Amino acid sequence: MKAMTYKVSWFENTTPQSVFFHSLGHAKFFVQRLQRDKNCQKIFLEETEAQAA
């Protein structure tokens, strides 16, 4: 069984952060929220395929 996972990564001030989502819509919404914060920079959205054992 395969599932898509979306990783949002960013720097808040100088600290790297990341969070995972199972929904592309939720990940995109989170990216939009981060873009409004002037302390958040270098925001990336990565799509990966996860396999369940």
C-alpha atoms as a PDB file:
ATOM      1  CA  MET A   1       0.000   0.000   0.000  1.00  0.00           C
ATOM      2  CA  LYS A   2       1.341   3.425  -0.968  1.00  0.00           C
ATOM      3  CA  ALA A   3       0.452   6.799   0.515  1.00  0.00           C
ATOM      4  CA  MET A   4       1.620  10.306  -0.272  1.00  0.00           C
ATOM      5  CA  THR A   5       3.268  12.342   2.456  1.00  0.00           C
ATOM      6  CA  TYR A   6       3.981  16.064   2.253  1.00  0.00           C
ATOM      7  CA  LYS A   7       6.830  17.632   4.194  1.00  0.00           C
ATOM      8  CA  VAL A   8       6.910  21.364   4.855  1.00  0.00           C
ATOM      9  CA  SER A   9      10.334  22.672   5.898  1.00  0.00           C
ATOM     10  CA  TRP A  10      11.316  26.209   6.834  1.00  0.00           C
ATOM     11  CA  PHE A  11      13.656  28.314   8.927  1.00  0.00           C
ATOM     12  CA  GLU A  12      12.093  30.245  11.795  1.00  0.00           C
ATOM     13  CA  ASN A  13      14.641  32.901  12.675  1.00  0.00           C
ATOM     14  CA  THR A  14      17.724  30.650  12.303  1.00  0.00           C
ATOM     15  CA  THR A  15      16.189  27.376  13.526  1.00  0.00           C
ATOM     16  CA  PRO A  16      15.258  24.700  10.954  1.00  0.00           C
ATOM     17  CA  GLN A  17      11.723  23.317  11.360  1.00  0.00           C
ATOM     18  CA  SER A  18       9.638  20.708   9.558  1.00  0.00           C
ATOM     19  CA  VAL A  19       6.247  19.056   9.759  1.00  0.00           C
ATOM     20  CA  PHE A  20       4.553  16.245   7.797  1.00  0.00           C
ATOM     21  CA  PHE A  21       1.039  16.155   6.307  1.00  0.00           C
ATOM     22  CA  HIS A  22      -1.026  13.439   4.608  1.00  0.00           C
ATOM     23  CA  SER A  23      -3.068  16.020   2.680  1.00  0.00           C
ATOM     24  CA  LEU A  24      -1.675  18.309  -0.025  1.00  0.00           C
ATOM     25  CA  GLY A  25      -4.392  20.852   0.750  1.00  0.00           C
ATOM     26  CA  HIS A  26      -3.405  21.033   4.413  1.00  0.00           C
ATOM     27  CA  ALA A  27       0.278  21.327   3.507  1.00  0.00           C
ATOM     28  CA  LYS A  28      -0.378  24.183   1.058  1.00  0.00           C
ATOM     29  CA  PHE A  29      -2.540  25.994   3.623  1.00  0.00           C
ATOM     30  CA  PHE A  30       0.254  25.664   6.207  1.00  0.00           C
ATOM     31  CA  VAL A  31       2.774  27.079   3.711  1.00  0.00           C
ATOM     32  CA  GLN A  32       0.501  30.080   3.131  1.00  0.00           C
ATOM     33  CA  ARG A  33       0.325  30.680   6.879  1.00  0.00           C
ATOM     34  CA  LEU A  34       4.120  30.487   7.191  1.00  0.00           C
ATOM     35  CA  GLN A  35       4.561  32.974   4.336  1.00  0.00           C
ATOM     36  CA  ARG A  36       2.659  35.576   6.372  1.00  0.00           C
ATOM     37  CA  ASP A  37       5.196  35.369   9.211  1.00  0.00           C
ATOM     38  CA  LYS A  38       8.229  37.586   8.609  1.00  0.00           C
ATOM     39  CA  ASN A  39      10.355  35.317  10.860  1.00  0.00           C
ATOM     40  CA  CYS A  40       9.817  32.304   8.558  1.00  0.00           C
ATOM     41  CA  GLN A  41      12.088  31.969   5.537  1.00  0.00           C
ATOM     42  CA  LYS A  42      13.188  29.359   3.005  1.00  0.00           C
ATOM     43  CA  ILE A  43       9.851  27.527   2.992  1.00  0.00           C
ATOM     44  CA  PHE A  44       9.815  24.255   1.035  1.00  0.00           C
ATOM     45  CA  LEU A  45       7.012  21.804   0.258  1.00  0.00           C
ATOM     46  CA  GLU A  46       8.213  18.298  -0.634  1.00  0.00           C
ATOM     47  CA  GLU A  47       6.067  15.414  -1.823  1.00  0.00           C
ATOM     48  CA  THR A  48       7.192  11.881  -0.974  1.00  0.00           C
ATOM     49  CA  GLU A  49       5.700   8.456  -1.408  1.00  0.00           C
ATOM     50  CA  ALA A  50       5.515   6.293   1.690  1.00  0.00           C
ATOM     51  CA  GLN A  51       4.993   2.540   1.635  1.00  0.00           C
ATOM     52  CA  ALA A  52       3.277   0.642   4.407  1.00  0.00           C
ATOM     53  CA  ALA A  53       4.678  -2.734   5.368  1.00  0.00           C
END
